[in-house]
Protein backbone atom coordinates (compact mmCIF):
# COMPACT_ATOMS: atom_id res chain seq x y z
CA UNK A 1 -38.12 42.07 46.57
CA UNK A 2 -40.44 39.08 46.98
CA UNK A 3 -38.43 36.80 44.51
CA UNK A 4 -35.34 37.04 46.77
CA UNK A 5 -37.65 36.19 49.86
CA UNK A 6 -39.10 33.08 48.05
CA UNK A 7 -35.56 32.06 46.93
CA UNK A 8 -34.38 32.15 50.55
CA UNK A 9 -37.27 30.59 51.80
CA UNK A 10 -37.03 27.68 49.14
CA UNK A 11 -33.61 27.16 49.93
CA UNK A 12 -34.24 27.06 53.59
CA UNK A 13 -37.00 24.08 53.48
CA UNK A 14 -34.69 22.13 51.08
CA UNK A 15 -32.34 19.06 52.32
CA UNK A 16 -29.02 18.51 50.42
CA UNK A 17 -27.96 15.16 49.91
CA UNK A 18 -25.00 14.40 52.18
CA UNK A 19 -21.76 14.00 50.28
CA UNK A 20 -19.36 10.71 50.94
CA UNK A 21 -15.90 11.60 49.90
CA UNK A 22 -14.80 7.64 50.26
CA UNK A 23 -17.56 6.79 47.74
CA UNK A 24 -16.40 9.42 45.32
CA UNK A 25 -12.70 8.56 45.74
CA UNK A 26 -13.52 4.88 44.99
CA UNK A 27 -15.66 5.69 41.80
CA UNK A 28 -13.15 8.19 40.35
CA UNK A 29 -10.50 5.29 41.02
CA UNK A 30 -12.63 2.91 39.26
CA UNK A 31 -13.03 5.20 36.39
CA UNK A 32 -9.24 5.93 36.31
CA UNK A 33 -8.56 2.07 36.42
CA UNK A 34 -10.82 1.58 33.44
CA UNK A 35 -9.08 4.30 31.52
CA UNK A 36 -5.81 2.84 31.88
CA UNK A 37 -6.74 -0.57 31.34
CA UNK A 38 -8.56 0.86 27.70
CA UNK A 39 -5.50 2.73 27.30
CA UNK A 40 -3.35 -0.15 27.41
CA UNK A 41 -5.71 -2.23 25.19
CA UNK A 42 -5.54 0.43 22.81
CA UNK A 43 -1.85 0.77 22.72
CA UNK A 44 -1.39 -3.25 22.54
CA UNK A 45 -3.67 -2.98 19.33
CA UNK A 46 -1.78 -0.04 18.01
CA UNK A 47 1.70 -1.54 18.55
CA UNK A 48 0.54 -4.85 17.07
CA UNK A 49 -0.98 -3.01 13.90
CA UNK A 50 2.28 -0.83 13.63
CA UNK A 51 4.35 -3.83 13.51
CA UNK A 52 2.20 -5.71 11.17
CA UNK A 53 2.12 -2.86 8.86
CA UNK A 54 5.95 -2.34 9.03
CA UNK A 55 6.38 -6.01 8.26
CA UNK A 56 4.26 -5.57 5.10
CA UNK A 57 5.80 -2.21 3.83
CA UNK A 58 9.34 -4.03 4.04
CA UNK A 59 7.95 -7.21 2.31
CA UNK A 60 6.40 -4.72 -0.20
CA UNK A 61 9.92 -3.08 -0.55
CA UNK A 62 11.65 -6.06 -1.02
CA UNK A 63 9.37 -7.32 -3.73
CA UNK A 64 9.59 -4.02 -5.41
CA UNK A 65 13.52 -4.37 -5.36
CA UNK A 66 13.35 -7.93 -6.95
CA UNK A 67 10.74 -6.89 -9.37
CA UNK A 68 12.79 -3.71 -10.37
CA UNK A 69 15.90 -5.99 -11.06
CA UNK A 70 13.80 -8.62 -13.07
CA UNK A 71 12.16 -5.68 -15.23
CA UNK A 72 15.82 -4.13 -15.50
CA UNK A 73 17.25 -7.57 -16.84
CA UNK A 74 14.39 -8.00 -19.12
CA UNK A 75 14.97 -4.38 -20.58
CA UNK A 76 18.42 -5.07 -21.08
CA UNK A 77 17.81 -8.27 -22.75
CA UNK A 78 15.36 -6.72 -25.15
CA UNK A 79 17.70 -3.75 -25.97
CA UNK A 80 20.32 -6.27 -26.56
CA UNK A 81 18.30 -8.40 -28.98
CA UNK A 82 17.16 -5.47 -30.63
CA UNK A 83 20.78 -4.04 -31.38
CA UNK A 84 21.99 -7.52 -32.40
CA UNK A 85 19.04 -7.42 -35.03
CA UNK A 86 19.83 -3.87 -36.18
CA UNK A 87 23.66 -4.89 -36.47
CA UNK A 88 22.73 -8.22 -38.39
CA UNK A 89 20.59 -6.08 -40.73
CA UNK A 90 23.03 -3.38 -41.45
CA UNK A 91 25.52 -6.12 -42.24
CA UNK A 92 22.97 -7.62 -44.57
CA UNK A 93 22.25 -4.21 -46.19
CA UNK A 94 25.96 -3.68 -46.99
CA UNK A 95 25.82 -7.05 -49.06
CA UNK A 96 22.85 -5.99 -51.08
CA UNK A 97 23.21 -5.90 -54.92
CA UNK A 98 19.84 -4.64 -56.13
CA UNK A 99 17.04 -2.01 -55.03
CA UNK A 100 14.64 -5.01 -54.93
CA UNK A 101 16.82 -6.92 -52.63
CA UNK A 102 17.17 -3.82 -50.43
CA UNK A 103 13.37 -3.34 -50.30
CA UNK A 104 12.89 -7.10 -49.66
CA UNK A 105 15.32 -7.35 -46.80
CA UNK A 106 14.14 -3.87 -45.19
CA UNK A 107 10.48 -5.32 -45.26
CA UNK A 108 11.45 -8.41 -43.81
CA UNK A 109 13.34 -6.67 -40.76
CA UNK A 110 10.68 -4.44 -40.26
CA UNK A 111 8.17 -6.75 -40.00
CA UNK A 112 10.32 -9.10 -38.03
CA UNK A 113 11.00 -6.05 -35.63
CA UNK A 114 7.38 -5.20 -35.23
CA UNK A 115 6.62 -8.74 -34.13
CA UNK A 116 9.36 -8.87 -31.69
CA UNK A 117 8.48 -5.44 -30.21
CA UNK A 118 4.83 -6.54 -29.77
CA UNK A 119 6.21 -9.67 -28.18
CA UNK A 120 8.21 -7.78 -25.91
CA UNK A 121 5.68 -5.49 -25.02
CA UNK A 122 3.41 -8.18 -23.90
CA UNK A 123 6.10 -9.80 -21.74
CA UNK A 124 6.67 -6.34 -20.19
CA UNK A 125 3.22 -6.00 -19.32
CA UNK A 126 2.66 -9.46 -17.86
CA UNK A 127 5.68 -8.87 -15.70
CA UNK A 128 4.76 -5.39 -14.69
CA UNK A 129 1.20 -6.77 -13.91
CA UNK A 130 2.36 -9.53 -11.78
CA UNK A 131 5.02 -7.07 -10.13
CA UNK A 132 2.10 -4.62 -9.25
CA UNK A 133 0.26 -7.66 -7.39
CA UNK A 134 3.24 -8.98 -5.80
CA UNK A 135 4.09 -5.42 -4.39
CA UNK A 136 0.85 -4.57 -3.42
CA UNK A 137 -0.18 -7.98 -1.76
CA UNK A 138 1.31 -7.50 1.46
CA UNK A 139 -0.35 -3.90 2.02
CA UNK A 140 -3.74 -5.14 0.44
CA UNK A 141 -3.47 -8.17 3.18
CA UNK A 142 -3.03 -5.82 5.96
CA UNK A 143 -5.72 -3.51 5.09
CA UNK A 144 -8.07 -6.47 4.74
CA UNK A 145 -7.15 -7.81 8.19
CA UNK A 146 -7.53 -4.32 9.53
CA UNK A 147 -11.12 -3.86 8.09
CA UNK A 148 -12.27 -7.48 9.42
CA UNK A 149 -10.91 -6.16 12.74
CA UNK A 150 -12.97 -3.13 12.88
CA UNK A 151 -16.22 -4.93 11.68
CA UNK A 152 -15.52 -7.39 14.73
CA UNK A 153 -15.14 -4.29 17.31
């Protein structure tokens, strides 16, 4: 029972601060305005970032389309060259008169085709490497800019 009496005694001797509602309202309003301002700034940054990213993706897709067309044309050219070489070789084989001539023609054809295949593979590798760089460049630039902006902020 004594603890209850001490608590009551303590409450009676304590002075409570006065509460000014107008100051509280001003503080709440200031916090709300600051929150709205920060939200507007964040939205503006987000909208700007979204627009930049959209442009980068659009550029990447256009580049990918162009590169895809280029690769298709190179593939068709390589297939055409290989088919023409194959038909020419068949015509030459039909005119063969001896087994040694056949072996000589076949060996020369295989050597030539192997060299062409290696050359075509190098060309495709160069085109695809350049394509990968060109397609990824816009996105890479956006990411690098975003990282710089994050470091600054």
